[in-house]
PDB file of N, CA and C in Angstrom:
ATOM      1  N   MET A   1      12.578  51.581  59.771  1.00  0.00           N
ATOM      2  CA  MET A   1      13.017  51.765  61.137  1.00  0.00           C
ATOM      3  C   MET A   1      12.124  52.785  61.847  1.00  0.00           C
ATOM      4  N   GLN A   2      11.729  53.834  61.140  1.00  0.00           N
ATOM      5  CA  GLN A   2      10.863  54.861  61.713  1.00  0.00           C
ATOM      6  C   GLN A   2       9.580  54.245  62.261  1.00  0.00           C
ATOM      7  N   GLN A   3       8.949  53.386  61.489  1.00  0.00           N
ATOM      8  CA  GLN A   3       7.709  52.767  61.922  1.00  0.00           C
ATOM      9  C   GLN A   3       7.938  51.893  63.154  1.00  0.00           C
ATOM     10  N   ALA A   4       9.027  51.156  63.176  1.00  0.00           N
ATOM     11  CA  ALA A   4       9.337  50.301  64.320  1.00  0.00           C
ATOM     12  C   ALA A   4       9.522  51.127  65.582  1.00  0.00           C
ATOM     13  N   ILE A   5      10.162  52.272  65.446  1.00  0.00           N
ATOM     14  CA  ILE A   5      10.367  53.155  66.591  1.00  0.00           C
ATOM     15  C   ILE A   5       9.028  53.664  67.101  1.00  0.00           C
ATOM     16  N   GLU A   6       8.192  54.146  66.196  1.00  0.00           N
ATOM     17  CA  GLU A   6       6.918  54.728  66.591  1.00  0.00           C
ATOM     18  C   GLU A   6       5.965  53.704  67.187  1.00  0.00           C
ATOM     19  N   GLU A   7       6.064  52.455  66.785  1.00  0.00           N
ATOM     20  CA  GLU A   7       5.163  51.420  67.281  1.00  0.00           C
ATOM     21  C   GLU A   7       5.344  51.121  68.764  1.00  0.00           C
ATOM     22  N   VAL A   8       6.508  51.381  69.310  1.00  0.00           N
ATOM     23  CA  VAL A   8       6.752  51.045  70.712  1.00  0.00           C
ATOM     24  C   VAL A   8       6.613  52.246  71.642  1.00  0.00           C
ATOM     25  N   MET A   9       6.252  53.398  71.130  1.00  0.00           N
ATOM     26  CA  MET A   9       6.142  54.596  71.949  1.00  0.00           C
ATOM     27  C   MET A   9       4.731  54.808  72.470  1.00  0.00           C
ATOM     28  N   THR A  10       4.666  55.444  73.629  1.00  0.00           N
ATOM     29  CA  THR A  10       3.376  55.895  74.140  1.00  0.00           C
ATOM     30  C   THR A  10       2.970  57.127  73.329  1.00  0.00           C
ATOM     31  N   GLU A  11       1.717  57.547  73.456  1.00  0.00           N
ATOM     32  CA  GLU A  11       1.247  58.737  72.735  1.00  0.00           C
ATOM     33  C   GLU A  11       2.062  59.965  73.123  1.00  0.00           C
ATOM     34  N   GLN A  12       2.367  60.109  74.403  1.00  0.00           N
ATOM     35  CA  GLN A  12       3.144  61.260  74.873  1.00  0.00           C
ATOM     36  C   GLN A  12       4.553  61.233  74.284  1.00  0.00           C
ATOM     37  N   GLN A  13       5.175  60.072  74.284  1.00  0.00           N
ATOM     38  CA  GLN A  13       6.512  59.952  73.711  1.00  0.00           C
ATOM     39  C   GLN A  13       6.487  60.217  72.215  1.00  0.00           C
ATOM     40  N   LEU A  14       5.479  59.718  71.546  1.00  0.00           N
ATOM     41  CA  LEU A  14       5.368  59.903  70.110  1.00  0.00           C
ATOM     42  C   LEU A  14       5.217  61.381  69.772  1.00  0.00           C
ATOM     43  N   ALA A  15       4.411  62.099  70.527  1.00  0.00           N
ATOM     44  CA  ALA A  15       4.248  63.540  70.288  1.00  0.00           C
ATOM     45  C   ALA A  15       5.564  64.266  70.495  1.00  0.00           C
ATOM     46  N   ALA A  16       6.261  63.935  71.571  1.00  0.00           N
ATOM     47  CA  ALA A  16       7.547  64.585  71.835  1.00  0.00           C
ATOM     48  C   ALA A  16       8.575  64.237  70.764  1.00  0.00           C
ATOM     49  N   TYR A  17       8.596  62.986  70.369  1.00  0.00           N
ATOM     50  CA  TYR A  17       9.532  62.533  69.342  1.00  0.00           C
ATOM     51  C   TYR A  17       9.267  63.254  68.029  1.00  0.00           C
ATOM     52  N   ARG A  18       8.008  63.346  67.655  1.00  0.00           N
ATOM     53  CA  ARG A  18       7.678  64.039  66.406  1.00  0.00           C
ATOM     54  C   ARG A  18       8.037  65.511  66.487  1.00  0.00           C
ATOM     55  N   ASP A  19       7.843  66.123  67.652  1.00  0.00           N
ATOM     56  CA  ASP A  19       8.263  67.509  67.830  1.00  0.00           C
ATOM     57  C   ASP A  19       9.765  67.645  67.609  1.00  0.00           C
ATOM     58  N   CYS A  20      10.497  66.663  68.075  1.00  0.00           N
ATOM     59  CA  CYS A  20      11.954  66.726  67.989  1.00  0.00           C
ATOM     60  C   CYS A  20      12.494  66.455  66.591  1.00  0.00           C
ATOM     61  N   ILE A  21      11.905  65.508  65.882  1.00  0.00           N
ATOM     62  CA  ILE A  21      12.470  65.144  64.585  1.00  0.00           C
ATOM     63  C   ILE A  21      12.015  66.054  63.461  1.00  0.00           C
ATOM     64  N   ARG A  22      10.990  66.871  63.728  1.00  0.00           N
ATOM     65  CA  ARG A  22      10.511  67.793  62.704  1.00  0.00           C
ATOM     66  C   ARG A  22      10.519  69.218  63.258  1.00  0.00           C
ATOM     67  N   PRO A  23      11.696  69.750  63.563  1.00  0.00           N
ATOM     68  CA  PRO A  23      11.755  71.029  64.267  1.00  0.00           C
ATOM     69  C   PRO A  23      11.345  72.240  63.445  1.00  0.00           C
ATOM     70  N   ARG A  24      11.081  72.116  62.188  1.00  0.00           N
ATOM     71  CA  ARG A  24      10.723  73.275  61.386  1.00  0.00           C
ATOM     72  C   ARG A  24       9.254  73.308  60.972  1.00  0.00           C
ATOM     73  N   LEU A  25       8.465  72.368  61.433  1.00  0.00           N
ATOM     74  CA  LEU A  25       7.046  72.399  61.113  1.00  0.00           C
ATOM     75  C   LEU A  25       6.386  73.586  61.811  1.00  0.00           C
ATOM     76  N   ARG A  26       5.475  74.235  61.135  1.00  0.00           N
ATOM     77  CA  ARG A  26       4.807  75.417  61.670  1.00  0.00           C
ATOM     78  C   ARG A  26       4.076  75.119  62.981  1.00  0.00           C
ATOM     79  N   LEU A  27       3.477  73.968  63.095  1.00  0.00           N
ATOM     80  CA  LEU A  27       2.699  73.640  64.274  1.00  0.00           C
ATOM     81  C   LEU A  27       3.487  72.862  65.323  1.00  0.00           C
ATOM     82  N   ASN A  28       4.787  72.890  65.225  1.00  0.00           N
ATOM     83  CA  ASN A  28       5.620  72.172  66.166  1.00  0.00           C
ATOM     84  C   ASN A  28       5.687  72.935  67.485  1.00  0.00           C
ATOM     85  N   CYS A  29       5.242  72.308  68.541  1.00  0.00           N
ATOM     86  CA  CYS A  29       5.221  72.967  69.843  1.00  0.00           C
ATOM     87  C   CYS A  29       6.608  73.357  70.332  1.00  0.00           C
ATOM     88  N   MET A  30       7.609  72.582  69.990  1.00  0.00           N
ATOM     89  CA  MET A  30       8.957  72.905  70.444  1.00  0.00           C
ATOM     90  C   MET A  30       9.416  74.251  69.884  1.00  0.00           C
ATOM     91  N   ASP A  31       8.865  74.661  68.741  1.00  0.00           N
ATOM     92  CA  ASP A  31       9.218  75.958  68.162  1.00  0.00           C
ATOM     93  C   ASP A  31       8.586  77.117  68.924  1.00  0.00           C
ATOM     94  N   THR A  32       7.595  76.851  69.731  1.00  0.00           N
ATOM     95  CA  THR A  32       6.825  77.924  70.358  1.00  0.00           C
ATOM     96  C   THR A  32       7.178  78.174  71.816  1.00  0.00           C
ATOM     97  N   ILE A  33       8.090  77.403  72.378  1.00  0.00           N
ATOM     98  CA  ILE A  33       8.325  77.506  73.819  1.00  0.00           C
ATOM     99  C   ILE A  33       9.609  78.251  74.177  1.00  0.00           C
ATOM    100  N   GLY A  34      10.260  78.845  73.194  1.00  0.00           N
ATOM    101  CA  GLY A  34      11.416  79.693  73.478  1.00  0.00           C
ATOM    102  C   GLY A  34      12.686  78.953  73.835  1.00  0.00           C
ATOM    103  N   LEU A  35      13.006  77.927  73.073  1.00  0.00           N
ATOM    104  CA  LEU A  35      14.257  77.212  73.321  1.00  0.00           C
ATOM    105  C   LEU A  35      15.453  78.118  73.054  1.00  0.00           C
ATOM    106  N   THR A  36      16.464  78.022  73.893  1.00  0.00           N
ATOM    107  CA  THR A  36      17.706  78.752  73.666  1.00  0.00           C
ATOM    108  C   THR A  36      18.571  77.971  72.686  1.00  0.00           C
ATOM    109  N   GLU A  37      19.570  78.621  72.139  1.00  0.00           N
ATOM    110  CA  GLU A  37      20.504  77.927  71.243  1.00  0.00           C
ATOM    111  C   GLU A  37      21.186  76.770  71.963  1.00  0.00           C
ATOM    112  N   GLU A  38      21.494  76.963  73.236  1.00  0.00           N
ATOM    113  CA  GLU A  38      22.140  75.908  74.021  1.00  0.00           C
ATOM    114  C   GLU A  38      21.211  74.706  74.185  1.00  0.00           C
ATOM    115  N   GLN A  39      19.930  74.965  74.436  1.00  0.00           N
ATOM    116  CA  GLN A  39      18.975  73.875  74.579  1.00  0.00           C
ATOM    117  C   GLN A  39      18.806  73.122  73.263  1.00  0.00           C
ATOM    118  N   ILE A  40      18.748  73.862  72.174  1.00  0.00           N
ATOM    119  CA  ILE A  40      18.622  73.231  70.860  1.00  0.00           C
ATOM    120  C   ILE A  40      19.821  72.335  70.590  1.00  0.00           C
ATOM    121  N   ALA A  41      21.010  72.833  70.880  1.00  0.00           N
ATOM    122  CA  ALA A  41      22.229  72.043  70.665  1.00  0.00           C
ATOM    123  C   ALA A  41      22.240  70.804  71.556  1.00  0.00           C
ATOM    124  N   GLU A  42      21.816  70.965  72.801  1.00  0.00           N
ATOM    125  CA  GLU A  42      21.788  69.825  73.725  1.00  0.00           C
ATOM    126  C   GLU A  42      20.788  68.769  73.265  1.00  0.00           C
ATOM    127  N   MET A  43      19.624  69.213  72.811  1.00  0.00           N
ATOM    128  CA  MET A  43      18.622  68.263  72.325  1.00  0.00           C
ATOM    129  C   MET A  43      19.087  67.564  71.056  1.00  0.00           C
ATOM    130  N   GLN A  44      19.766  68.284  70.190  1.00  0.00           N
ATOM    131  CA  GLN A  44      20.301  67.670  68.973  1.00  0.00           C
ATOM    132  C   GLN A  44      21.310  66.579  69.331  1.00  0.00           C
ATOM    133  N   ALA A  45      22.165  66.860  70.289  1.00  0.00           N
ATOM    134  CA  ALA A  45      23.143  65.859  70.727  1.00  0.00           C
ATOM    135  C   ALA A  45      22.436  64.636  71.323  1.00  0.00           C
ATOM    136  N   LEU A  46      21.380  64.868  72.087  1.00  0.00           N
ATOM    137  CA  LEU A  46      20.612  63.751  72.657  1.00  0.00           C
ATOM    138  C   LEU A  46      19.969  62.913  71.558  1.00  0.00           C
ATOM    139  N   ARG A  47      19.396  63.571  70.556  1.00  0.00           N
ATOM    140  CA  ARG A  47      18.772  62.849  69.432  1.00  0.00           C
ATOM    141  C   ARG A  47      19.806  62.018  68.692  1.00  0.00           C
ATOM    142  N   GLU A  48      20.952  62.606  68.427  1.00  0.00           N
ATOM    143  CA  GLU A  48      21.997  61.883  67.694  1.00  0.00           C
ATOM    144  C   GLU A  48      22.464  60.656  68.464  1.00  0.00           C
ATOM    145  N   ALA A  49      22.646  60.811  69.766  1.00  0.00           N
ATOM    146  CA  ALA A  49      23.064  59.676  70.591  1.00  0.00           C
ATOM    147  C   ALA A  49      21.984  58.591  70.604  1.00  0.00           C
ATOM    148  N   ALA A  50      20.720  58.998  70.684  1.00  0.00           N
ATOM    149  CA  ALA A  50      19.625  58.032  70.690  1.00  0.00           C
ATOM    150  C   ALA A  50      19.535  57.309  69.351  1.00  0.00           C
ATOM    151  N   LEU A  51      19.679  58.046  68.254  1.00  0.00           N
ATOM    152  CA  LEU A  51      19.627  57.410  66.937  1.00  0.00           C
ATOM    153  C   LEU A  51      20.752  56.400  66.761  1.00  0.00           C
ATOM    154  N   GLU A  52      21.917  56.737  67.263  1.00  0.00           N
ATOM    155  CA  GLU A  52      23.043  55.797  67.204  1.00  0.00           C
ATOM    156  C   GLU A  52      22.723  54.536  68.017  1.00  0.00           C
ATOM    157  N   ALA A  53      22.162  54.730  69.203  1.00  0.00           N
ATOM    158  CA  ALA A  53      21.794  53.586  70.038  1.00  0.00           C
ATOM    159  C   ALA A  53      20.681  52.767  69.390  1.00  0.00           C
ATOM    160  N   LEU A  54      19.732  53.434  68.743  1.00  0.00           N
ATOM    161  CA  LEU A  54      18.632  52.724  68.083  1.00  0.00           C
ATOM    162  C   LEU A  54      19.126  51.842  66.948  1.00  0.00           C
ATOM    163  N   GLN A  55      20.148  52.286  66.258  1.00  0.00           N
ATOM    164  CA  GLN A  55      20.691  51.495  65.153  1.00  0.00           C
ATOM    165  C   GLN A  55      21.297  50.191  65.645  1.00  0.00           C
ATOM    166  N   LYS A  56      21.737  50.180  66.894  1.00  0.00           N
ATOM    167  CA  LYS A  56      22.347  48.985  67.473  1.00  0.00           C
ATOM    168  C   LYS A  56      21.359  48.166  68.309  1.00  0.00           C
ATOM    169  N   ALA A  57      20.192  48.744  68.565  1.00  0.00           N
ATOM    170  CA  ALA A  57      19.218  48.116  69.465  1.00  0.00           C
ATOM    171  C   ALA A  57      18.673  46.823  68.879  1.00  0.00           C
ATOM    172  N   GLN A  58      18.463  45.877  69.754  1.00  0.00           N
ATOM    173  CA  GLN A  58      17.892  44.589  69.376  1.00  0.00           C
ATOM    174  C   GLN A  58      16.610  44.391  70.189  1.00  0.00           C
ATOM    175  N   GLY A  59      15.490  44.394  69.526  1.00  0.00           N
ATOM    176  CA  GLY A  59      14.224  44.123  70.188  1.00  0.00           C
ATOM    177  C   GLY A  59      13.471  45.368  70.619  1.00  0.00           C
ATOM    178  N   GLN A  60      12.174  45.194  70.727  1.00  0.00           N
ATOM    179  CA  GLN A  60      11.295  46.305  71.066  1.00  0.00           C
ATOM    180  C   GLN A  60      11.539  46.846  72.471  1.00  0.00           C
ATOM    181  N   GLU A  61      11.875  45.983  73.409  1.00  0.00           N
ATOM    182  CA  GLU A  61      12.125  46.449  74.773  1.00  0.00           C
ATOM    183  C   GLU A  61      13.306  47.412  74.818  1.00  0.00           C
ATOM    184  N   LYS A  62      14.356  47.091  74.082  1.00  0.00           N
ATOM    185  CA  LYS A  62      15.529  47.960  74.050  1.00  0.00           C
ATOM    186  C   LYS A  62      15.199  49.289  73.363  1.00  0.00           C
ATOM    187  N   VAL A  63      14.440  49.226  72.270  1.00  0.00           N
ATOM    188  CA  VAL A  63      14.034  50.445  71.570  1.00  0.00           C
ATOM    189  C   VAL A  63      13.189  51.306  72.495  1.00  0.00           C
ATOM    190  N   ARG A  64      12.248  50.701  73.178  1.00  0.00           N
ATOM    191  CA  ARG A  64      11.393  51.456  74.103  1.00  0.00           C
ATOM    192  C   ARG A  64      12.231  52.114  75.203  1.00  0.00           C
ATOM    193  N   ALA A  65      13.190  51.388  75.740  1.00  0.00           N
ATOM    194  CA  ALA A  65      14.039  51.942  76.798  1.00  0.00           C
ATOM    195  C   ALA A  65      14.836  53.142  76.289  1.00  0.00           C
ATOM    196  N   ILE A  66      15.348  53.049  75.082  1.00  0.00           N
ATOM    197  CA  ILE A  66      16.104  54.154  74.498  1.00  0.00           C
ATOM    198  C   ILE A  66      15.200  55.375  74.308  1.00  0.00           C
ATOM    199  N   MET A  67      13.998  55.139  73.802  1.00  0.00           N
ATOM    200  CA  MET A  67      13.080  56.245  73.569  1.00  0.00           C
ATOM    201  C   MET A  67      12.574  56.843  74.885  1.00  0.00           C
ATOM    202  N   ASP A  68      12.347  55.996  75.879  1.00  0.00           N
ATOM    203  CA  ASP A  68      11.960  56.507  77.198  1.00  0.00           C
ATOM    204  C   ASP A  68      13.046  57.430  77.747  1.00  0.00           C
ATOM    205  N   GLN A  69      14.284  56.987  77.616  1.00  0.00           N
ATOM    206  CA  GLN A  69      15.399  57.777  78.128  1.00  0.00           C
ATOM    207  C   GLN A  69      15.560  59.076  77.341  1.00  0.00           C
ATOM    208  N   LEU A  70      15.399  59.015  76.018  1.00  0.00           N
ATOM    209  CA  LEU A  70      15.494  60.220  75.199  1.00  0.00           C
ATOM    210  C   LEU A  70      14.427  61.223  75.626  1.00  0.00           C
ATOM    211  N   TYR A  71      13.206  60.769  75.781  1.00  0.00           N
ATOM    212  CA  TYR A  71      12.117  61.655  76.195  1.00  0.00           C
ATOM    213  C   TYR A  71      12.441  62.297  77.539  1.00  0.00           C
ATOM    214  N   GLU A  72      12.857  61.486  78.487  1.00  0.00           N
ATOM    215  CA  GLU A  72      13.183  61.987  79.823  1.00  0.00           C
ATOM    216  C   GLU A  72      14.323  63.004  79.760  1.00  0.00           C
ATOM    217  N   ASP A  73      15.366  62.674  79.020  1.00  0.00           N
ATOM    218  CA  ASP A  73      16.512  63.571  78.905  1.00  0.00           C
ATOM    219  C   ASP A  73      16.134  64.889  78.240  1.00  0.00           C
ATOM    220  N   MET A  74      15.291  64.830  77.211  1.00  0.00           N
ATOM    221  CA  MET A  74      14.898  66.050  76.522  1.00  0.00           C
ATOM    222  C   MET A  74      14.011  66.919  77.407  1.00  0.00           C
ATOM    223  N   MET A  75      13.125  66.307  78.172  1.00  0.00           N
ATOM    224  CA  MET A  75      12.289  67.091  79.070  1.00  0.00           C
ATOM    225  C   MET A  75      13.122  67.725  80.185  1.00  0.00           C
ATOM    226  N   ASP A  76      14.206  67.063  80.579  1.00  0.00           N
ATOM    227  CA  ASP A  76      15.103  67.613  81.598  1.00  0.00           C
ATOM    228  C   ASP A  76      15.820  68.878  81.116  1.00  0.00           C
ATOM    229  N   VAL A  77      15.932  69.055  79.820  1.00  0.00           N
ATOM    230  CA  VAL A  77      16.590  70.233  79.242  1.00  0.00           C
ATOM    231  C   VAL A  77      15.701  71.475  79.390  1.00  0.00           C
ATOM    232  N   LEU A  78      14.400  71.272  79.479  1.00  0.00           N
ATOM    233  CA  LEU A  78      13.459  72.382  79.507  1.00  0.00           C
ATOM    234  C   LEU A  78      13.293  72.972  80.906  1.00  0.00           C
ATOM    235  N   THR A  79      13.007  74.271  80.941  1.00  0.00           N
ATOM    236  CA  THR A  79      12.679  74.921  82.204  1.00  0.00           C
ATOM    237  C   THR A  79      11.236  74.590  82.568  1.00  0.00           C
ATOM    238  N   ASP A  80      10.852  74.896  83.794  1.00  0.00           N
ATOM    239  CA  ASP A  80       9.474  74.663  84.223  1.00  0.00           C
ATOM    240  C   ASP A  80       8.490  75.447  83.355  1.00  0.00           C
ATOM    241  N   ASP A  81       8.827  76.680  83.030  1.00  0.00           N
ATOM    242  CA  ASP A  81       7.955  77.494  82.180  1.00  0.00           C
ATOM    243  C   ASP A  81       7.820  76.887  80.788  1.00  0.00           C
ATOM    244  N   GLN A  82       8.916  76.384  80.245  1.00  0.00           N
ATOM    245  CA  GLN A  82       8.878  75.760  78.921  1.00  0.00           C
ATOM    246  C   GLN A  82       8.058  74.479  78.951  1.00  0.00           C
ATOM    247  N   LEU A  83       8.187  73.697  80.008  1.00  0.00           N
ATOM    248  CA  LEU A  83       7.388  72.476  80.134  1.00  0.00           C
ATOM    249  C   LEU A  83       5.897  72.807  80.176  1.00  0.00           C
ATOM    250  N   ALA A  84       5.534  73.839  80.913  1.00  0.00           N
ATOM    251  CA  ALA A  84       4.134  74.251  80.993  1.00  0.00           C
ATOM    252  C   ALA A  84       3.640  74.731  79.629  1.00  0.00           C
ATOM    253  N   ALA A  85       4.462  75.513  78.928  1.00  0.00           N
ATOM    254  CA  ALA A  85       4.078  76.011  77.604  1.00  0.00           C
ATOM    255  C   ALA A  85       3.955  74.864  76.611  1.00  0.00           C
ATOM    256  N   LEU A  86       4.835  73.885  76.703  1.00  0.00           N
ATOM    257  CA  LEU A  86       4.781  72.724  75.817  1.00  0.00           C
ATOM    258  C   LEU A  86       3.485  71.949  76.034  1.00  0.00           C
ATOM    259  N   GLU A  87       3.140  71.727  77.283  1.00  0.00           N
ATOM    260  CA  GLU A  87       1.904  71.000  77.593  1.00  0.00           C
ATOM    261  C   GLU A  87       0.682  71.775  77.100  1.00  0.00           C
ATOM    262  N   GLU A  88       0.691  73.080  77.289  1.00  0.00           N
ATOM    263  CA  GLU A  88      -0.424  73.909  76.818  1.00  0.00           C
ATOM    264  C   GLU A  88      -0.546  73.842  75.298  1.00  0.00           C
ATOM    265  N   CYS A  89       0.564  73.903  74.600  1.00  0.00           N
ATOM    266  CA  CYS A  89       0.561  73.817  73.147  1.00  0.00           C
ATOM    267  C   CYS A  89       0.018  72.466  72.688  1.00  0.00           C
ATOM    268  N   ARG A  90       0.490  71.412  73.296  1.00  0.00           N
ATOM    269  CA  ARG A  90       0.034  70.075  72.915  1.00  0.00           C
ATOM    270  C   ARG A  90      -1.447  69.876  73.217  1.00  0.00           C
ATOM    271  N   ASP A  91      -1.901  70.424  74.330  1.00  0.00           N
ATOM    272  CA  ASP A  91      -3.334  70.343  74.645  1.00  0.00           C
ATOM    273  C   ASP A  91      -4.139  71.043  73.557  1.00  0.00           C
ATOM    274  N   GLY A  92      -3.658  72.192  73.102  1.00  0.00           N
ATOM    275  CA  GLY A  92      -4.327  72.914  72.040  1.00  0.00           C
ATOM    276  C   GLY A  92      -4.350  72.124  70.752  1.00  0.00           C
ATOM    277  N   GLN A  93      -3.262  71.454  70.448  1.00  0.00           N
ATOM    278  CA  GLN A  93      -3.217  70.630  69.235  1.00  0.00           C
ATOM    279  C   GLN A  93      -4.181  69.459  69.329  1.00  0.00           C
ATOM    280  N   ARG A  94      -4.266  68.857  70.506  1.00  0.00           N
ATOM    281  CA  ARG A  94      -5.185  67.732  70.693  1.00  0.00           C
ATOM    282  C   ARG A  94      -6.637  68.168  70.488  1.00  0.00           C
ATOM    283  N   ARG A  95      -6.914  69.407  70.835  1.00  0.00           N
ATOM    284  CA  ARG A  95      -8.268  69.939  70.651  1.00  0.00           C
ATOM    285  C   ARG A  95      -8.460  70.485  69.233  1.00  0.00           C
ATOM    286  N   GLY A  96      -7.420  70.399  68.407  1.00  0.00           N
ATOM    287  CA  GLY A  96      -7.526  70.845  67.021  1.00  0.00           C
ATOM    288  C   GLY A  96      -7.354  72.324  66.819  1.00  0.00           C
ATOM    289  N   GLN A  97      -6.710  72.989  67.788  1.00  0.00           N
ATOM    290  CA  GLN A  97      -6.546  74.424  67.707  1.00  0.00           C
ATOM    291  C   GLN A  97      -5.195  74.842  67.154  1.00  0.00           C
ATOM    292  N   GLY A  98      -4.246  73.891  67.030  1.00  0.00           N
ATOM    293  CA  GLY A  98      -2.907  74.274  66.567  1.00  0.00           C
ATOM    294  C   GLY A  98      -2.171  75.010  67.635  1.00  0.00           C
ATOM    295  N   THR A  99      -1.268  75.926  67.241  1.00  0.00           N
ATOM    296  CA  THR A  99      -0.464  76.656  68.199  1.00  0.00           C
ATOM    297  C   THR A  99      -1.100  77.959  68.589  1.00  0.00           C
TER     298      THR A  99
END
């Protein structure tokens, strides 16, 4: 199922998804942007709801729609400063610099 999910995501969605599903990795950008406990709890609830929907999803279009919505909802949880820090971190990772 993991592979099927990743196959329908854009690169940006895939990066965000990987940040979300592996929150304890040292190079995870989500760990570096100062999430509050409330934001972490809200994102966890969003992930759980998306995973439940994915288990019922039929077809790649439905999976993509669920993942698009999850990405959008998770980005809505972040402040403008956190969004900027997340983008900066990801840019650094793309250049091979890590966090």
